[in-house]
């Protein structure tokens, strides 16, 4: 007997939609989660909200997106005000978000920022370290998944643009815990083989979790140490990874990396045609210029009358030869030679050596006289100094004190008269071996 007690899929989905719509707790609530796989379409924001154990799809319509005061990106923690709805046709449910505010950054994104800052300070992103991408590479190394769309996009783009290039595929994992080591080994092999002129590291778009293997510190350092220039073509245009920053050049997509690696054959042909036209134009200008120079040369007066001008020069040379013979340079040389001999004889007669000896003797006599006068002056000066020192010793107050004399002071002022003394203040008497402090009892003046 046929059993009529069953539900259709439509009935079940309608029932679940009814339960969700009538549950007051699901009409408006605030949920905490981390944004992942965010993308925009026609102004609407589609994304996933997740925590450590679960995730749920969400949508935010354009009118609500416009009211946001921050840019929603993967890795940002948010508090989202939303309601739950069920799409009956497919039996899927998602969040309809009406407002959001930031609630911190996700762990993966925080780690990304920390590593980025660390490597930046170490200089791994410095422009002066970037290697130049070859303009016309003959061999290109492609590091990507052998089964992904990225490989197909890169290979097809290069084949269309410049089919003469050889592509060497280094298949790797592009997602998961083992992916960084897989890419590192491929980079090391490419550098060891030395077959390629440039390397493309490629992967299609994905969430921050999907692309996390390209934020690996070990991979970043391997890219930095690569002797072969590297183009990074990881993710979509809005996706940025550590691989992008440390590579020699970053392309927005795998296809963009292929476009950067090779020139378009059509563009190359156009450039060659343009260069060919420029060369022809330049050569024509040169030929025209040389032709004009030749015409000017053949019409030149000196060129046309070369024989006549040559005869004139020959005649001038003959006249110069006659003048040379007439003036007889040999005779002039003989004249100067006689003069030189005459001057030499005068020098000998002058006897300059004896004269120098005489002057030297006179100088020596002057030297001895000056030296004698200087010594006498020093002796007199020394005697005067000694006499002055003896007078100073005789007049030295300390010597007088040794004979019983003393000096009396009041407040560091030497007392020379009775009127200078203040009876209320002590006095100090200085003698040869010390000082005596005294109080004044009485003062007597000499009559």
Protein backbone atom coordinates (compact mmCIF):
# COMPACT_ATOMS: atom_id res chain seq x y z
CA UNK A 1 0.00 0.00 0.00
CA UNK A 2 1.32 3.43 -1.00
CA UNK A 3 2.51 5.58 1.92
CA UNK A 4 1.16 9.13 1.68
CA UNK A 5 3.02 10.39 4.79
CA UNK A 6 6.01 12.21 3.29
CA UNK A 7 7.25 15.79 2.73
CA UNK A 8 8.41 17.30 -0.52
CA UNK A 9 11.68 19.20 -0.59
CA UNK A 10 9.73 22.39 -1.29
CA UNK A 11 7.44 21.76 1.65
CA UNK A 12 10.36 21.20 3.97
CA UNK A 13 12.14 24.36 2.84
CA UNK A 14 8.92 26.37 3.21
CA UNK A 15 8.45 25.01 6.70
CA UNK A 16 12.00 25.88 7.71
CA UNK A 17 11.64 29.35 6.19
CA UNK A 18 8.42 29.84 8.17
CA UNK A 19 10.14 28.75 11.41
CA UNK A 20 13.03 31.14 10.83
CA UNK A 21 10.80 34.06 9.84
CA UNK A 22 8.55 33.65 12.87
CA UNK A 23 11.39 33.22 15.39
CA UNK A 24 11.72 36.63 17.06
CA UNK A 25 15.30 35.81 18.10
CA UNK A 26 16.35 35.52 14.46
CA UNK A 27 14.67 38.70 13.20
CA UNK A 28 17.35 41.04 14.49
CA UNK A 29 20.50 40.10 16.37
CA UNK A 30 24.18 40.99 16.60
CA UNK A 31 26.78 38.40 15.67
CA UNK A 32 30.55 38.51 16.12
CA UNK A 33 32.79 37.02 13.49
CA UNK A 34 35.75 37.47 11.16
CA UNK A 35 35.23 38.55 7.54
CA UNK A 36 36.51 36.09 4.95
CA UNK A 37 36.27 35.78 1.16
CA UNK A 38 34.79 39.27 0.83
CA UNK A 39 33.78 40.39 -2.67
CA UNK A 40 31.61 43.09 -4.22
CA UNK A 41 29.08 42.59 -7.01
CA UNK A 42 26.95 45.46 -8.32
CA UNK A 43 27.56 47.34 -5.09
CA UNK A 44 26.43 44.47 -2.87
CA UNK A 45 28.90 42.88 -0.44
CA UNK A 46 29.08 39.08 -0.33
CA UNK A 47 31.24 37.52 2.39
CA UNK A 48 31.60 34.79 4.99
CA UNK A 49 31.49 35.34 8.75
CA UNK A 50 33.46 32.76 10.71
CA UNK A 51 34.95 31.91 14.07
CA UNK A 52 37.31 29.12 15.15
CA UNK A 53 34.85 26.30 14.46
CA UNK A 54 32.11 27.46 12.07
CA UNK A 55 31.25 29.84 9.25
CA UNK A 56 28.13 31.22 7.63
CA UNK A 57 27.48 33.08 4.37
CA UNK A 58 26.34 36.70 4.54
CA UNK A 59 25.18 39.47 2.26
CA UNK A 60 24.99 43.22 2.74
CA UNK A 61 23.03 45.19 0.16
CA UNK A 62 24.53 48.30 -1.44
CA UNK A 63 22.40 50.84 0.46
CA UNK A 64 23.74 49.46 3.75
CA UNK A 65 27.31 49.15 2.40
CA UNK A 66 27.34 52.88 1.61
CA UNK A 67 26.74 53.67 5.29
CA UNK A 68 29.88 51.77 6.46
CA UNK A 69 32.69 53.88 7.98
CA UNK A 70 35.40 51.31 7.16
CA UNK A 71 36.41 49.13 4.23
CA UNK A 72 35.40 45.50 4.80
CA UNK A 73 38.37 43.22 4.11
CA UNK A 74 39.35 39.64 4.83
CA UNK A 75 40.66 39.18 8.35
CA UNK A 76 38.72 42.03 9.99
CA UNK A 77 36.67 41.11 13.05
CA UNK A 78 33.23 42.73 13.09
CA UNK A 79 30.03 43.02 15.08
CA UNK A 80 27.26 42.62 12.50
CA UNK A 81 23.60 43.53 13.04
CA UNK A 82 21.58 41.15 10.88
CA UNK A 83 18.71 38.73 10.44
CA UNK A 84 18.67 35.12 9.28
CA UNK A 85 16.95 34.13 6.03
CA UNK A 86 16.57 30.92 4.08
CA UNK A 87 16.80 30.65 0.28
CA UNK A 88 13.99 28.17 -0.32
CA UNK A 89 15.01 27.21 -3.86
CA UNK A 90 18.34 25.74 -2.72
CA UNK A 91 17.66 25.14 0.95
CA UNK A 92 20.56 27.36 2.03
CA UNK A 93 20.44 30.02 4.67
CA UNK A 94 22.54 33.14 5.16
CA UNK A 95 22.77 36.34 7.12
CA UNK A 96 21.28 39.57 5.80
CA UNK A 97 23.46 42.28 7.38
CA UNK A 98 22.14 45.80 7.84
CA UNK A 99 25.05 47.36 9.74
CA UNK A 100 28.57 46.50 10.84
CA UNK A 101 31.33 47.93 12.98
CA UNK A 102 34.92 46.81 13.45
CA UNK A 103 35.80 44.58 16.37
CA UNK A 104 39.52 44.07 15.78
CA UNK A 105 41.58 42.06 13.31
CA UNK A 106 41.53 38.31 12.80
CA UNK A 107 44.52 36.20 13.90
CA UNK A 108 45.67 35.41 10.37
CA UNK A 109 45.51 39.05 9.37
CA UNK A 110 47.30 40.15 12.54
CA UNK A 111 50.09 37.64 11.83
CA UNK A 112 50.25 38.94 8.27
CA UNK A 113 50.69 42.54 9.47
CA UNK A 114 53.34 41.58 12.06
CA UNK A 115 55.39 39.63 9.51
CA UNK A 116 55.00 42.42 6.97
CA UNK A 117 56.36 44.99 9.45
CA UNK A 118 59.23 42.69 10.48
CA UNK A 119 60.38 41.99 6.92
CA UNK A 120 59.95 45.64 5.94
CA UNK A 121 62.31 46.72 8.76
CA UNK A 122 64.83 44.08 7.62
CA UNK A 123 64.80 45.58 4.12
CA UNK A 124 63.28 42.60 2.25
CA UNK A 125 60.86 44.93 0.42
CA UNK A 126 63.48 47.58 -0.45
CA UNK A 127 63.30 48.77 -4.07
CA UNK A 128 67.09 48.81 -4.42
CA UNK A 129 67.13 45.03 -3.95
CA UNK A 130 64.54 44.40 -6.68
CA UNK A 131 65.99 42.66 -9.73
CA UNK A 132 65.11 43.89 -13.21
CA UNK A 133 62.62 41.78 -15.15
CA UNK A 134 64.17 40.86 -18.54
CA UNK A 135 62.47 42.61 -21.45
CA UNK A 136 62.58 39.63 -23.80
CA UNK A 137 62.90 36.38 -21.78
CA UNK A 138 63.47 33.17 -23.72
CA UNK A 139 62.63 30.77 -20.88
CA UNK A 140 60.05 31.31 -18.12
CA UNK A 141 59.66 29.24 -14.96
CA UNK A 142 56.07 28.81 -13.73
CA UNK A 143 55.56 27.82 -10.07
CA UNK A 144 51.90 26.92 -9.51
CA UNK A 145 49.49 24.02 -9.16
CA UNK A 146 49.51 21.70 -12.18
CA UNK A 147 45.73 21.34 -11.93
CA UNK A 148 44.64 24.91 -11.19
CA UNK A 149 43.19 27.58 -13.45
CA UNK A 150 46.25 29.78 -12.78
CA UNK A 151 48.50 27.47 -14.81
CA UNK A 152 46.06 27.45 -17.74
CA UNK A 153 45.69 31.25 -17.62
CA UNK A 154 49.43 31.88 -17.58
CA UNK A 155 50.31 29.33 -20.26
CA UNK A 156 47.49 30.37 -22.61
CA UNK A 157 48.27 34.09 -22.17
CA UNK A 158 52.01 33.62 -22.87
CA UNK A 159 51.28 31.37 -25.86
CA UNK A 160 48.98 34.00 -27.37
CA UNK A 161 51.30 36.93 -26.69
CA UNK A 162 54.69 35.41 -27.54
CA UNK A 163 54.64 31.70 -28.49
CA UNK A 164 58.44 31.50 -28.97
CA UNK A 165 58.97 31.48 -25.18
CA UNK A 166 59.69 28.16 -23.45
CA UNK A 167 57.70 27.53 -20.26
CA UNK A 168 59.10 25.26 -17.53
CA UNK A 169 56.43 24.15 -15.06
CA UNK A 170 57.41 23.56 -11.42
CA UNK A 171 54.21 22.01 -9.98
CA UNK A 172 53.54 22.83 -6.31
CA UNK A 173 50.85 22.87 -3.66
CA UNK A 174 49.23 26.33 -3.44
CA UNK A 175 47.06 25.77 -0.35
CA UNK A 176 47.47 24.11 3.01
CA UNK A 177 50.21 23.58 5.59
CA UNK A 178 52.60 21.84 3.19
CA UNK A 179 52.30 24.48 0.48
CA UNK A 180 55.09 26.87 1.66
CA UNK A 181 57.72 24.10 1.73
CA UNK A 182 56.54 22.85 -1.68
CA UNK A 183 56.98 26.34 -3.20
CA UNK A 184 60.36 26.82 -1.50
CA UNK A 185 61.68 23.56 -2.98
CA UNK A 186 60.45 24.58 -6.44
CA UNK A 187 62.24 27.95 -6.13
CA UNK A 188 65.45 26.22 -5.05
CA UNK A 189 65.24 23.81 -7.99
CA UNK A 190 64.65 26.62 -10.50
CA UNK A 191 67.67 28.51 -9.18
CA UNK A 192 69.77 25.31 -9.23
CA UNK A 193 68.73 24.39 -12.79
CA UNK A 194 69.46 27.91 -14.13
CA UNK A 195 67.24 27.22 -17.15
CA UNK A 196 64.89 30.18 -16.88
CA UNK A 197 65.29 33.97 -17.18
CA UNK A 198 62.32 34.85 -14.96
CA UNK A 199 60.00 33.02 -12.55
CA UNK A 200 56.24 33.49 -12.16
CA UNK A 201 54.63 32.41 -8.87
CA UNK A 202 50.89 32.13 -9.56
CA UNK A 203 47.65 31.20 -7.82
CA UNK A 204 44.02 32.15 -8.36
CA UNK A 205 41.97 34.17 -5.87
CA UNK A 206 40.73 32.97 -2.52
CA UNK A 207 40.14 33.90 1.09
CA UNK A 208 42.90 35.00 3.44
CA UNK A 209 43.06 31.40 4.68
CA UNK A 210 43.46 30.09 1.13
CA UNK A 211 46.31 32.50 0.44
CA UNK A 212 47.99 32.15 3.86
CA UNK A 213 50.75 29.90 2.48
CA UNK A 214 52.03 32.91 0.51
CA UNK A 215 52.46 34.78 3.82
CA UNK A 216 55.10 32.32 5.04
CA UNK A 217 58.35 33.85 6.37
CA UNK A 218 60.54 31.05 5.02
CA UNK A 219 59.06 31.48 1.54
CA UNK A 220 59.58 35.25 1.73
CA UNK A 221 63.28 34.82 2.51
CA UNK A 222 63.69 32.25 -0.30
CA UNK A 223 62.15 34.71 -2.78
CA UNK A 224 64.46 37.46 -1.48
CA UNK A 225 67.53 35.23 -1.96
CA UNK A 226 66.55 34.06 -5.45
CA UNK A 227 69.13 34.91 -8.13
CA UNK A 228 66.40 34.80 -10.79
CA UNK A 229 63.90 37.72 -10.91
CA UNK A 230 60.40 36.81 -9.70
CA UNK A 231 56.94 38.08 -10.68
CA UNK A 232 54.18 37.43 -8.14
CA UNK A 233 50.73 36.77 -9.61
CA UNK A 234 48.84 35.59 -6.53
CA UNK A 235 45.09 36.06 -6.03
CA UNK A 236 42.92 38.83 -7.42
CA UNK A 237 43.76 42.51 -7.77
CA UNK A 238 42.60 43.34 -4.23
CA UNK A 239 44.58 40.48 -2.65
CA UNK A 240 47.99 41.29 -1.17
CA UNK A 241 50.41 38.74 0.30
CA UNK A 242 53.96 38.84 1.65
CA UNK A 243 54.96 37.13 -1.60
CA UNK A 244 53.76 40.25 -3.50
CA UNK A 245 55.86 42.62 -1.40
CA UNK A 246 59.13 40.65 -1.48
CA UNK A 247 58.99 39.65 -5.17
CA UNK A 248 60.76 41.79 -7.74
CA UNK A 249 57.41 42.76 -9.26
CA UNK A 250 53.77 42.22 -8.35
CA UNK A 251 50.99 41.52 -10.87
CA UNK A 252 47.30 41.77 -9.89
CA UNK A 253 46.43 38.27 -11.20
CA UNK A 254 48.15 35.21 -12.75
CA UNK A 255 47.11 36.51 -16.17
CA UNK A 256 48.57 39.89 -15.28
CA UNK A 257 51.86 38.17 -14.38
CA UNK A 258 51.95 36.51 -17.80
CA UNK A 259 51.27 39.86 -19.48
CA UNK A 260 54.13 41.44 -17.51
CA UNK A 261 56.54 38.61 -18.30
CA UNK A 262 56.29 38.76 -22.11
CA UNK A 263 55.50 41.41 -24.69
CA UNK A 264 52.64 40.92 -27.12
CA UNK A 265 53.93 39.71 -30.52
CA UNK A 266 51.60 42.19 -32.26
CA UNK A 267 53.10 45.05 -30.26
CA UNK A 268 56.63 43.79 -31.01
CA UNK A 269 55.86 43.64 -34.76
CA UNK A 270 54.40 47.14 -34.63
CA UNK A 271 57.48 48.37 -32.73
CA UNK A 272 59.80 46.73 -35.28
CA UNK A 273 57.86 48.27 -38.18
CA UNK A 274 58.03 51.66 -36.45
CA UNK A 275 61.80 51.26 -35.92
CA UNK A 276 62.23 50.18 -39.55
CA UNK A 277 60.38 53.28 -40.76
CA UNK A 278 62.51 55.46 -38.47
CA UNK A 279 65.72 53.86 -39.79
CA UNK A 280 64.66 54.37 -43.41
CA UNK A 281 63.72 57.99 -42.70
CA UNK A 282 67.00 58.57 -40.89
CA UNK A 283 69.07 56.95 -43.68
CA UNK A 284 67.27 59.00 -46.33
CA UNK A 285 68.13 62.17 -44.41
CA UNK A 286 71.78 61.10 -44.25
CA UNK A 287 71.90 60.29 -47.99
CA UNK A 288 70.23 63.60 -48.87
CA UNK A 289 72.69 65.47 -46.64
CA UNK A 290 75.70 63.71 -48.20
CA UNK A 291 74.36 64.35 -51.70
CA UNK A 292 74.07 68.07 -50.92
CA UNK A 293 77.59 68.08 -49.50
CA UNK A 294 78.90 66.39 -52.67
CA UNK A 295 77.14 68.95 -54.90
CA UNK A 296 78.59 71.83 -52.85
CA UNK A 297 82.04 70.27 -53.01
CA UNK A 298 82.03 69.76 -56.80
CA UNK A 299 80.87 73.36 -57.31
CA UNK A 300 83.51 74.76 -54.97
CA UNK A 301 85.97 77.27 -56.55
CA UNK A 302 89.03 75.59 -55.09
CA UNK A 303 87.91 72.16 -56.28
CA UNK A 304 87.26 73.38 -59.84
CA UNK A 305 90.57 75.33 -60.06
CA UNK A 306 92.70 72.83 -58.25
CA UNK A 307 95.48 72.68 -60.95
CA UNK A 308 95.83 76.47 -61.13
CA UNK A 309 95.96 76.81 -57.34
CA UNK A 310 98.51 73.99 -57.12
CA UNK A 311 100.80 75.75 -59.65
CA UNK A 312 100.58 78.92 -57.55
CA UNK A 313 101.60 77.05 -54.41
CA UNK A 314 104.56 75.48 -56.23
CA UNK A 315 105.65 78.94 -57.37
CA UNK A 316 105.34 80.27 -53.78
CA UNK A 317 107.48 77.41 -52.47
CA UNK A 318 110.17 78.20 -55.10
CA UNK A 319 110.22 81.85 -54.02
CA UNK A 320 110.53 80.85 -50.37
CA UNK A 321 113.46 78.58 -51.25
CA UNK A 322 115.25 81.52 -52.92
CA UNK A 323 114.67 83.71 -49.84
CA UNK A 324 116.01 80.95 -47.59
CA UNK A 325 119.20 80.69 -49.60
CA UNK A 326 119.55 84.51 -49.66
CA UNK A 327 119.17 84.86 -45.87
CA UNK A 328 121.57 81.90 -45.29
CA UNK A 329 120.55 80.47 -41.89
CA UNK A 330 124.01 78.84 -41.68
CA UNK A 331 125.63 82.31 -41.69
CA UNK A 332 123.29 83.47 -38.90
CA UNK A 333 124.19 80.39 -36.85
CA UNK A 334 127.93 81.22 -37.31
CA UNK A 335 127.27 84.81 -36.13
CA UNK A 336 125.57 83.66 -32.93
CA UNK A 337 128.30 81.09 -32.31
CA UNK A 338 130.99 83.83 -32.44
CA UNK A 339 128.99 85.93 -30.00
CA UNK A 340 128.74 82.97 -27.65
CA UNK A 341 132.52 82.42 -27.71
CA UNK A 342 133.13 86.13 -26.97
CA UNK A 343 130.83 86.04 -23.94
CA UNK A 344 132.53 82.87 -22.70
CA UNK A 345 135.96 84.58 -22.81
CA UNK A 346 134.62 87.54 -20.79
CA UNK A 347 133.27 85.19 -18.14
CA UNK A 348 136.68 83.51 -17.83
CA UNK A 349 138.43 86.91 -17.45
CA UNK A 350 135.98 87.98 -14.79
CA UNK A 351 137.27 85.09 -12.62
CA UNK A 352 133.95 84.53 -10.87
CA UNK A 353 135.27 81.63 -8.72
CA UNK A 354 137.91 83.82 -6.98
CA UNK A 355 135.39 86.57 -6.48
CA UNK A 356 133.00 84.13 -4.79
CA UNK A 357 135.81 82.94 -2.47
CA UNK A 358 136.58 86.57 -1.52
CA UNK A 359 132.92 87.25 -0.70
CA UNK A 360 132.79 84.04 1.31
CA UNK A 361 135.81 85.12 3.42
CA UNK A 362 134.22 88.52 4.08
CA UNK A 363 130.96 86.83 5.15
CA UNK A 364 132.85 84.53 7.56
CA UNK A 365 134.56 87.53 9.22
CA UNK A 366 131.17 89.25 9.65
CA UNK A 367 129.75 86.07 11.15
CA UNK A 368 132.47 85.83 13.83
CA UNK A 369 132.12 89.52 14.76
CA UNK A 370 128.34 89.26 15.05
CA UNK A 371 128.67 86.09 17.14
CA UNK A 372 131.15 87.79 19.52
CA UNK A 373 128.89 90.85 19.93
CA UNK A 374 125.85 88.61 20.55
CA UNK A 375 127.66 86.65 23.31
CA UNK A 376 128.74 89.88 25.02
CA UNK A 377 125.15 91.13 24.88
CA UNK A 378 123.86 87.90 26.46
CA UNK A 379 126.49 88.07 29.27
CA UNK A 380 125.50 91.67 30.09
CA UNK A 381 121.83 90.69 30.06
CA UNK A 382 122.54 87.74 32.36
CA UNK A 383 124.46 89.98 34.84
CA UNK A 384 121.60 92.49 34.90
CA UNK A 385 119.07 89.76 35.60
CA UNK A 386 121.17 88.35 38.48
CA UNK A 387 121.51 91.83 40.00
CA UNK A 388 117.74 92.34 39.80
CA UNK A 389 117.13 88.97 41.46
CA UNK A 390 119.45 89.89 44.35
CA UNK A 391 117.60 93.18 44.85
CA UNK A 392 114.26 91.34 44.88
CA UNK A 393 115.58 88.89 47.48
CA UNK A 394 116.75 91.80 49.70
CA UNK A 395 113.38 93.57 49.36
CA UNK A 396 111.29 90.37 49.87
CA UNK A 397 109.01 90.92 52.92
CA UNK A 398 109.45 87.32 54.00
CA UNK A 399 113.16 87.88 54.49
CA UNK A 400 112.38 90.92 56.66
CA UNK A 401 110.02 88.76 58.72
CA UNK A 402 112.85 86.34 59.46
CA UNK A 403 114.54 89.26 61.19
CA UNK A 404 111.52 89.77 63.48
CA UNK A 405 109.29 91.98 61.38
CA UNK A 406 105.57 91.20 60.93
CA UNK A 407 102.51 92.36 58.93
CA UNK A 408 99.13 93.07 60.51
CA UNK A 409 95.83 92.56 58.59
CA UNK A 410 92.19 93.20 59.42
CA UNK A 411 89.68 91.54 57.07
CA UNK A 412 92.54 90.80 54.60
CA UNK A 413 93.49 94.50 54.50
CA UNK A 414 97.06 95.49 55.48
CA UNK A 415 97.05 97.89 58.47
CA UNK A 416 99.54 100.74 58.01
CA UNK A 417 97.99 103.37 60.34
CA UNK A 418 96.21 103.30 63.69
CA UNK A 419 93.22 105.06 62.10
CA UNK A 420 92.70 102.04 59.78
CA UNK A 421 91.84 99.75 62.76
CA UNK A 422 88.28 98.80 63.74
CA UNK A 423 88.47 98.11 67.55
CA UNK A 424 85.50 95.71 67.35
CA UNK A 425 87.12 93.32 64.86
CA UNK A 426 89.98 90.83 65.25
CA UNK A 427 93.34 91.32 63.60
CA UNK A 428 95.71 88.77 62.01
CA UNK A 429 99.48 89.18 62.38
CA UNK A 430 101.60 87.36 59.80
CA UNK A 431 105.14 86.35 60.80
CA UNK A 432 107.73 84.22 58.99
CA UNK A 433 106.33 80.81 59.95
CA UNK A 434 102.57 81.48 60.44
CA UNK A 435 99.77 83.78 61.53
CA UNK A 436 98.54 85.04 64.92
CA UNK A 437 94.89 85.98 65.48
CA UNK A 438 94.36 88.67 68.17
CA UNK A 439 91.63 90.71 69.80
CA UNK A 440 92.28 94.46 70.20
CA UNK A 441 92.38 95.65 73.84
CA UNK A 442 93.71 99.13 73.34
CA UNK A 443 95.31 101.35 70.65
CA UNK A 444 98.05 103.95 71.35
CA UNK A 445 99.11 106.62 68.93
CA UNK A 446 102.67 107.94 68.72
CA UNK A 447 103.02 111.50 69.88
